[in-house]
């Protein structure tokens, strides 16, 4: 079984900073080939492929092709199920709430089912709150909150993950990156889209630094003994991160508190496995189901004061029009960096990847006996 760290070590460093432009449909087709090769049914592979492409298209490379190797190994090992007769099930529900069992299916399959259920409830009752157990890694949280925005609703998505956050005053990791996403519709297709880890960075960003042979920023990671480190190899060995805010002196306890809040919504509420006791993506821990917990909320702003989109647009544009700080060209709001990246991708005809990213996924292709990812150097 191959972990990400092992795959990364197989990747030869290329002294070439040029981008490799890959059309989105080629990335999607490549994901489908890989996932179906290891047993994913078409419908499930489609859900995962769409999410992977969306992550890279939005510039969240930590959760796109970067994660494909893990998803493949989950399916190959039987740790995750993909069978046409297995579906997420509603365990109990009210008009506005539901508890869903993902039945160990792939995260995007479960997450899409649960978010769409929350949306239906919000359209009927004004709010839908769905808590999930029995799921797996679900990719970028914003993928789900934005589904609500497409229906002119406010969307929220949360998930727990395997442990990597070292709580304030501790020296061992206990909670996950436990991301939070909130998305809301504004006027003329504009929107607020917050998608953030409750650690200083997503663990995938540490992995990307390793893959691209880039320096690790100070204040991100701790070594296996709980000491601050900027050594990328020590960071990869520990996979231990500071909470959002960093040390106690710089308000890291706030990120720690937010991560625990996510745990309350996702695992304590649903009966999923709490982060300190869930499996990690490493060989020695892949002996049981992950039993990830998620939480999805949809809210209809029309059940509150009229003019929601007008007021949100006014706030977004006020912030964008603030005088930029010295050395900065513009002020952005949550969702703008992703919009800029998508616009760039559209202009160049595909998603830009670095050479080592392409080599990494084509190592996967060779290992799995599928056609390599197409490429157009630029």
Protein backbone atom coordinates (compact mmCIF):
# COMPACT_ATOMS: atom_id res chain seq x y z
CA UNK A 1 0.00 0.00 0.00
CA UNK A 2 1.37 3.40 -0.97
CA UNK A 3 1.04 6.48 1.21
CA UNK A 4 1.31 10.03 -0.09
CA UNK A 5 4.74 10.37 1.51
CA UNK A 6 5.97 7.27 -0.34
CA UNK A 7 4.54 8.56 -3.60
CA UNK A 8 6.17 11.92 -3.08
CA UNK A 9 9.56 10.27 -2.54
CA UNK A 10 9.16 8.50 -5.88
CA UNK A 11 8.82 11.85 -7.63
CA UNK A 12 12.02 13.11 -9.23
CA UNK A 13 12.52 16.83 -8.66
CA UNK A 14 12.33 18.69 -11.95
CA UNK A 15 14.27 21.92 -12.19
CA UNK A 16 11.58 23.55 -14.25
CA UNK A 17 9.10 26.08 -12.91
CA UNK A 18 7.00 26.12 -16.08
CA UNK A 19 3.34 25.25 -15.75
CA UNK A 20 1.70 22.25 -17.34
CA UNK A 21 -1.73 23.27 -18.60
CA UNK A 22 -4.30 20.47 -18.56
CA UNK A 23 -7.87 21.03 -19.79
CA UNK A 24 -10.45 20.38 -17.10
CA UNK A 25 -12.14 17.63 -19.08
CA UNK A 26 -8.83 15.78 -19.31
CA UNK A 27 -8.34 16.00 -15.54
CA UNK A 28 -11.88 14.71 -15.07
CA UNK A 29 -11.37 11.82 -17.50
CA UNK A 30 -8.09 10.90 -15.82
CA UNK A 31 -9.75 10.77 -12.40
CA UNK A 32 -12.55 8.63 -13.79
CA UNK A 33 -10.04 6.17 -15.31
CA UNK A 34 -8.14 5.84 -12.04
CA UNK A 35 -11.18 5.52 -9.77
CA UNK A 36 -13.04 3.05 -11.98
CA UNK A 37 -9.90 0.97 -12.37
CA UNK A 38 -9.96 0.24 -8.62
CA UNK A 39 -13.66 -0.50 -8.48
CA UNK A 40 -15.60 2.75 -8.16
CA UNK A 41 -19.00 2.57 -9.83
CA UNK A 42 -19.57 5.25 -12.46
CA UNK A 43 -21.92 7.41 -10.38
CA UNK A 44 -19.54 7.44 -7.41
CA UNK A 45 -16.46 8.04 -9.55
CA UNK A 46 -18.28 10.95 -11.19
CA UNK A 47 -18.99 12.61 -7.83
CA UNK A 48 -15.36 12.27 -6.76
CA UNK A 49 -13.94 13.38 -10.12
CA UNK A 50 -16.13 16.50 -10.19
CA UNK A 51 -14.94 17.48 -6.73
CA UNK A 52 -11.25 16.88 -7.51
CA UNK A 53 -11.46 19.01 -10.66
CA UNK A 54 -13.36 21.74 -8.81
CA UNK A 55 -10.70 21.88 -6.10
CA UNK A 56 -7.82 22.38 -8.53
CA UNK A 57 -9.85 24.73 -10.73
CA UNK A 58 -10.51 26.90 -7.69
CA UNK A 59 -6.82 26.83 -6.74
CA UNK A 60 -7.16 24.44 -3.78
CA UNK A 61 -4.45 22.11 -5.02
CA UNK A 62 -4.14 20.48 -1.60
CA UNK A 63 -7.53 18.82 -2.15
CA UNK A 64 -7.52 18.06 -5.88
CA UNK A 65 -5.21 15.62 -7.66
CA UNK A 66 -3.09 15.79 -4.52
CA UNK A 67 -5.67 13.56 -2.84
CA UNK A 68 -6.29 11.11 -5.70
CA UNK A 69 -3.72 8.57 -4.51
CA UNK A 70 -5.42 8.31 -1.14
CA UNK A 71 -8.85 7.82 -2.66
CA UNK A 72 -7.48 5.09 -4.92
CA UNK A 73 -5.89 3.26 -1.99
CA UNK A 74 -9.07 3.57 0.07
CA UNK A 75 -10.99 1.82 -2.70
CA UNK A 76 -8.30 -0.73 -3.51
CA UNK A 77 -7.92 -1.76 0.13
CA UNK A 78 -11.66 -2.07 0.67
CA UNK A 79 -11.58 0.57 3.40
CA UNK A 80 -14.18 2.51 1.38
CA UNK A 81 -17.18 0.96 -0.37
CA UNK A 82 -18.41 1.66 -3.89
CA UNK A 83 -21.30 -0.61 -4.83
CA UNK A 84 -24.36 0.33 -6.89
CA UNK A 85 -26.70 -1.20 -4.31
CA UNK A 86 -25.24 0.77 -1.37
CA UNK A 87 -26.55 4.29 -0.73
CA UNK A 88 -26.48 6.78 2.14
CA UNK A 89 -29.48 6.25 4.40
CA UNK A 90 -31.55 8.55 6.58
CA UNK A 91 -31.48 7.15 10.12
CA UNK A 92 -33.92 9.65 11.62
CA UNK A 93 -35.37 13.01 10.61
CA UNK A 94 -37.73 15.85 11.39
CA UNK A 95 -39.05 18.50 9.04
CA UNK A 96 -35.83 20.51 9.43
CA UNK A 97 -33.20 17.99 10.60
CA UNK A 98 -31.77 14.61 9.69
CA UNK A 99 -29.17 12.10 10.78
CA UNK A 100 -27.57 10.32 7.81
CA UNK A 101 -25.44 7.17 7.74
CA UNK A 102 -23.01 7.27 4.83
CA UNK A 103 -22.57 3.48 4.97
CA UNK A 104 -18.83 3.89 4.35
CA UNK A 105 -19.23 5.27 0.83
CA UNK A 106 -16.88 7.87 -0.64
CA UNK A 107 -17.13 11.27 1.03
CA UNK A 108 -18.41 13.23 -1.98
CA UNK A 109 -21.18 10.68 -2.53
CA UNK A 110 -22.32 11.00 1.07
CA UNK A 111 -21.74 14.75 1.26
CA UNK A 112 -23.73 15.52 -1.88
CA UNK A 113 -26.63 13.39 -0.67
CA UNK A 114 -26.65 15.09 2.74
CA UNK A 115 -26.25 18.65 1.44
CA UNK A 116 -29.05 18.16 -1.07
CA UNK A 117 -31.22 16.82 1.75
CA UNK A 118 -30.48 19.95 3.81
CA UNK A 119 -31.38 22.10 0.79
CA UNK A 120 -34.74 20.35 0.35
CA UNK A 121 -35.54 20.85 4.01
CA UNK A 122 -34.55 24.53 3.88
CA UNK A 123 -36.87 25.12 0.95
CA UNK A 124 -39.70 23.58 2.97
CA UNK A 125 -38.98 24.73 6.52
CA UNK A 126 -36.57 27.64 6.06
CA UNK A 127 -33.65 25.66 7.46
CA UNK A 128 -32.15 22.22 6.99
CA UNK A 129 -29.56 20.75 9.37
CA UNK A 130 -28.09 17.36 8.51
CA UNK A 131 -25.49 15.55 10.60
CA UNK A 132 -23.61 12.59 9.10
CA UNK A 133 -21.78 9.53 10.37
CA UNK A 134 -20.17 6.64 8.50
CA UNK A 135 -18.51 8.75 5.83
CA UNK A 136 -14.99 9.39 4.51
CA UNK A 137 -12.83 12.31 3.38
CA UNK A 138 -15.14 14.64 1.46
CA UNK A 139 -12.73 17.04 -0.25
CA UNK A 140 -13.16 20.81 -0.16
CA UNK A 141 -15.92 21.93 2.18
CA UNK A 142 -16.82 24.79 -0.15
CA UNK A 143 -18.05 22.29 -2.75
CA UNK A 144 -21.08 21.65 -0.54
CA UNK A 145 -21.81 25.13 0.78
CA UNK A 146 -21.81 26.41 -2.82
CA UNK A 147 -24.49 23.88 -3.76
CA UNK A 148 -26.83 25.83 -1.49
CA UNK A 149 -25.86 29.14 -3.11
CA UNK A 150 -26.87 27.68 -6.49
CA UNK A 151 -30.38 27.41 -4.98
CA UNK A 152 -30.23 31.00 -3.58
CA UNK A 153 -29.70 29.68 -0.06
CA UNK A 154 -26.98 30.14 2.54
CA UNK A 155 -24.92 26.98 2.86
CA UNK A 156 -22.62 25.68 5.58
CA UNK A 157 -20.43 22.59 5.61
CA UNK A 158 -18.17 21.12 8.28
CA UNK A 159 -16.22 17.90 8.70
CA UNK A 160 -13.85 16.28 11.12
CA UNK A 161 -10.61 14.72 9.88
CA UNK A 162 -7.84 12.50 11.17
CA UNK A 163 -5.80 14.15 13.95
CA UNK A 164 -3.20 16.76 13.03
CA UNK A 165 -4.05 19.82 15.18
CA UNK A 166 -1.98 20.15 18.36
CA UNK A 167 -4.23 21.78 20.97
CA UNK A 168 -3.04 24.88 22.78
CA UNK A 169 -0.68 23.92 25.65
CA UNK A 170 -0.36 20.34 24.32
CA UNK A 171 2.50 18.59 22.54
CA UNK A 172 0.52 15.89 20.75
CA UNK A 173 -2.02 16.25 17.97
CA UNK A 174 -5.63 15.46 18.82
CA UNK A 175 -8.14 17.19 16.52
CA UNK A 176 -8.32 17.41 12.75
CA UNK A 177 -8.00 20.37 10.43
CA UNK A 178 -11.81 20.38 10.88
CA UNK A 179 -12.69 22.85 8.11
CA UNK A 180 -15.52 25.35 8.06
CA UNK A 181 -17.27 26.62 4.95
CA UNK A 182 -20.04 29.20 4.74
CA UNK A 183 -21.35 30.48 1.40
CA UNK A 184 -24.05 33.04 0.71
CA UNK A 185 -25.54 34.51 -2.49
CA UNK A 186 -25.14 38.17 -3.42
CA UNK A 187 -26.38 40.13 -6.44
CA UNK A 188 -25.61 39.34 -10.08
CA UNK A 189 -23.93 36.01 -9.42
CA UNK A 190 -21.57 37.37 -6.76
CA UNK A 191 -21.20 35.47 -3.49
CA UNK A 192 -19.42 35.18 -0.19
CA UNK A 193 -17.53 31.87 0.00
CA UNK A 194 -15.52 31.11 3.13
CA UNK A 195 -13.64 27.80 3.05
CA UNK A 196 -10.99 27.46 5.76
CA UNK A 197 -9.22 24.95 7.96
CA UNK A 198 -9.18 25.53 11.69
CA UNK A 199 -5.44 24.84 11.63
CA UNK A 200 -2.99 27.47 10.34
CA UNK A 201 -3.01 25.62 7.02
CA UNK A 202 -4.51 22.46 5.58
CA UNK A 203 -2.28 19.42 5.92
CA UNK A 204 -2.41 19.12 2.14
CA UNK A 205 -0.57 22.42 1.87
CA UNK A 206 2.33 20.91 3.82
CA UNK A 207 2.26 17.98 1.41
CA UNK A 208 2.29 20.37 -1.54
CA UNK A 209 5.33 22.19 -0.13
CA UNK A 210 7.05 18.80 0.06
CA UNK A 211 6.08 17.80 -3.47
CA UNK A 212 7.13 21.12 -4.99
CA UNK A 213 10.31 21.30 -2.89
CA UNK A 214 9.29 24.65 -1.43
CA UNK A 215 10.26 25.98 2.02
CA UNK A 216 7.87 25.46 4.90
CA UNK A 217 6.65 28.74 6.44
CA UNK A 218 7.42 29.39 10.08
CA UNK A 219 4.50 28.85 12.43
CA UNK A 220 2.81 26.07 10.50
CA UNK A 221 4.10 22.82 11.89
CA UNK A 222 5.46 21.00 14.92
CA UNK A 223 7.76 18.00 14.97
CA UNK A 224 6.98 14.63 16.55
CA UNK A 225 8.09 15.95 19.95
CA UNK A 226 5.76 18.96 19.80
CA UNK A 227 8.46 21.50 18.97
CA UNK A 228 8.07 24.15 16.26
CA UNK A 229 9.76 23.13 12.99
CA UNK A 230 10.44 24.55 9.56
CA UNK A 231 12.01 21.28 8.40
CA UNK A 232 9.69 19.89 5.73
CA UNK A 233 10.80 16.29 6.35
CA UNK A 234 10.07 16.57 10.07
CA UNK A 235 6.73 18.17 9.27
CA UNK A 236 5.85 15.32 6.90
CA UNK A 237 6.86 12.79 9.55
CA UNK A 238 4.70 14.37 12.26
CA UNK A 239 1.81 15.80 10.23
CA UNK A 240 1.22 18.02 13.26
CA UNK A 241 -0.06 21.57 12.84
CA UNK A 242 -0.68 24.62 14.99
CA UNK A 243 -4.32 25.64 15.40
CA UNK A 244 -5.46 28.72 13.48
CA UNK A 245 -3.78 31.65 15.22
CA UNK A 246 -0.63 29.72 16.13
CA UNK A 247 0.62 29.83 19.71
CA UNK A 248 -1.41 30.80 22.74
CA UNK A 249 0.12 34.30 22.63
CA UNK A 250 -1.18 34.82 19.09
CA UNK A 251 -4.66 33.45 19.87
CA UNK A 252 -4.19 29.85 18.73
CA UNK A 253 -6.77 28.85 21.33
CA UNK A 254 -9.39 30.38 19.03
CA UNK A 255 -8.54 27.97 16.22
CA UNK A 256 -8.47 25.15 18.77
CA UNK A 257 -11.94 26.18 19.96
CA UNK A 258 -13.30 26.34 16.41
CA UNK A 259 -11.93 22.88 15.67
CA UNK A 260 -13.71 21.54 18.74
CA UNK A 261 -16.92 23.30 17.68
CA UNK A 262 -16.74 21.45 14.36
CA UNK A 263 -16.25 18.23 16.31
CA UNK A 264 -19.46 18.93 18.25
CA UNK A 265 -21.43 19.47 15.03
CA UNK A 266 -19.92 16.54 13.12
CA UNK A 267 -19.13 13.71 15.50
CA UNK A 268 -20.59 14.34 18.95
CA UNK A 269 -23.96 15.08 17.35
CA UNK A 270 -23.92 12.23 14.81
CA UNK A 271 -22.14 9.44 16.66
CA UNK A 272 -19.22 9.40 14.19
CA UNK A 273 -15.69 8.70 15.45
CA UNK A 274 -14.16 11.70 17.20
CA UNK A 275 -10.97 12.97 15.54
CA UNK A 276 -8.48 11.74 18.20
CA UNK A 277 -9.65 8.19 17.56
CA UNK A 278 -10.26 8.19 13.81
CA UNK A 279 -7.86 6.58 11.36
CA UNK A 280 -5.15 8.49 9.56
CA UNK A 281 -3.97 8.09 5.98
CA UNK A 282 -1.02 5.88 6.85
CA UNK A 283 -0.36 2.16 6.46
CA UNK A 284 -0.42 1.25 10.13
CA UNK A 285 -3.82 2.82 10.77
CA UNK A 286 -5.80 1.57 7.76
CA UNK A 287 -7.42 -1.36 9.56
CA UNK A 288 -10.90 0.02 10.19
CA UNK A 289 -13.54 2.26 8.70
CA UNK A 290 -12.86 5.97 9.05
CA UNK A 291 -16.43 6.76 10.21
CA UNK A 292 -15.96 10.44 9.41
CA UNK A 293 -18.58 12.89 10.61
CA UNK A 294 -19.93 15.82 8.61
CA UNK A 295 -22.49 18.54 9.16
CA UNK A 296 -24.43 20.42 6.46
CA UNK A 297 -26.72 23.39 6.93
CA UNK A 298 -28.91 25.19 4.41
CA UNK A 299 -30.77 28.38 5.31
CA UNK A 300 -33.29 30.35 3.28
CA UNK A 301 -32.55 34.07 3.72
CA UNK A 302 -36.06 34.90 2.53
CA UNK A 303 -37.51 33.77 5.87
CA UNK A 304 -35.68 36.76 7.41
CA UNK A 305 -35.51 40.43 6.41
CA UNK A 306 -35.96 41.22 2.70
CA UNK A 307 -33.04 42.52 0.66
CA UNK A 308 -30.42 39.98 1.76
CA UNK A 309 -28.49 39.89 -1.53
CA UNK A 310 -28.49 43.70 -1.80
CA UNK A 311 -27.04 44.11 1.67
CA UNK A 312 -24.45 41.39 1.17
CA UNK A 313 -23.33 42.92 -2.13
CA UNK A 314 -23.01 46.30 -0.45
CA UNK A 315 -20.76 44.80 2.24
CA UNK A 316 -18.62 42.83 -0.22
CA UNK A 317 -18.09 45.81 -2.49
CA UNK A 318 -17.39 48.17 0.40
CA UNK A 319 -14.52 45.92 1.51
CA UNK A 320 -13.23 45.47 -2.03
CA UNK A 321 -13.15 49.24 -2.52
CA UNK A 322 -11.14 50.00 0.60
CA UNK A 323 -7.74 51.59 -0.05
CA UNK A 324 -5.20 48.75 -0.31
CA UNK A 325 -2.31 48.56 2.12
CA UNK A 326 1.13 49.60 0.95
CA UNK A 327 2.48 47.06 -1.50
CA UNK A 328 -0.95 45.57 -2.20
CA UNK A 329 -2.98 46.08 -5.37
CA UNK A 330 -6.49 45.27 -4.15
CA UNK A 331 -8.59 44.17 -1.20
CA UNK A 332 -10.33 40.82 -1.61
CA UNK A 333 -13.27 39.14 0.09
CA UNK A 334 -13.70 35.41 0.74
CA UNK A 335 -14.26 33.72 -2.62
CA UNK A 336 -12.33 36.29 -4.69
CA UNK A 337 -9.01 34.37 -4.83
CA UNK A 338 -10.85 31.34 -6.17
CA UNK A 339 -12.73 33.45 -8.73
CA UNK A 340 -9.44 34.91 -9.91
CA UNK A 341 -7.91 31.46 -10.24
CA UNK A 342 -10.88 30.15 -12.21
CA UNK A 343 -10.72 33.17 -14.52
CA UNK A 344 -7.02 32.50 -15.07
CA UNK A 345 -7.72 28.84 -15.85
CA UNK A 346 -10.37 29.83 -18.38
CA UNK A 347 -8.00 32.28 -20.04
CA UNK A 348 -5.19 29.74 -20.49
CA UNK A 349 -7.43 26.84 -21.47
CA UNK A 350 -6.99 24.57 -18.48
CA UNK A 351 -5.68 24.08 -14.97
CA UNK A 352 -1.98 24.92 -14.43
CA UNK A 353 0.07 22.30 -12.61
CA UNK A 354 3.75 22.15 -11.78
CA UNK A 355 5.91 19.44 -13.34
CA UNK A 356 6.21 17.50 -10.10
CA UNK A 357 2.45 17.42 -9.66
CA UNK A 358 2.10 15.84 -13.09
CA UNK A 359 4.90 13.36 -12.40
CA UNK A 360 3.23 12.38 -9.14
CA UNK A 361 -0.15 11.57 -10.67
CA UNK A 362 1.42 9.82 -13.64
CA UNK A 363 3.28 7.59 -11.19
CA UNK A 364 -0.22 6.70 -9.99
CA UNK A 365 -1.34 6.07 -13.57
CA UNK A 366 1.59 3.75 -14.23
CA UNK A 367 1.05 1.87 -10.99
CA UNK A 368 -2.65 1.37 -11.78
CA UNK A 369 -2.23 0.56 -15.45
CA UNK A 370 -4.24 3.49 -16.77
CA UNK A 371 -3.51 6.04 -19.45
CA UNK A 372 -1.38 8.94 -18.16
CA UNK A 373 -2.70 12.44 -17.69
CA UNK A 374 -2.45 14.40 -20.93
CA UNK A 375 -0.24 17.43 -20.94
CA UNK A 376 0.42 20.65 -22.77
CA UNK A 377 3.49 22.47 -21.49
CA UNK A 378 3.26 26.22 -21.32
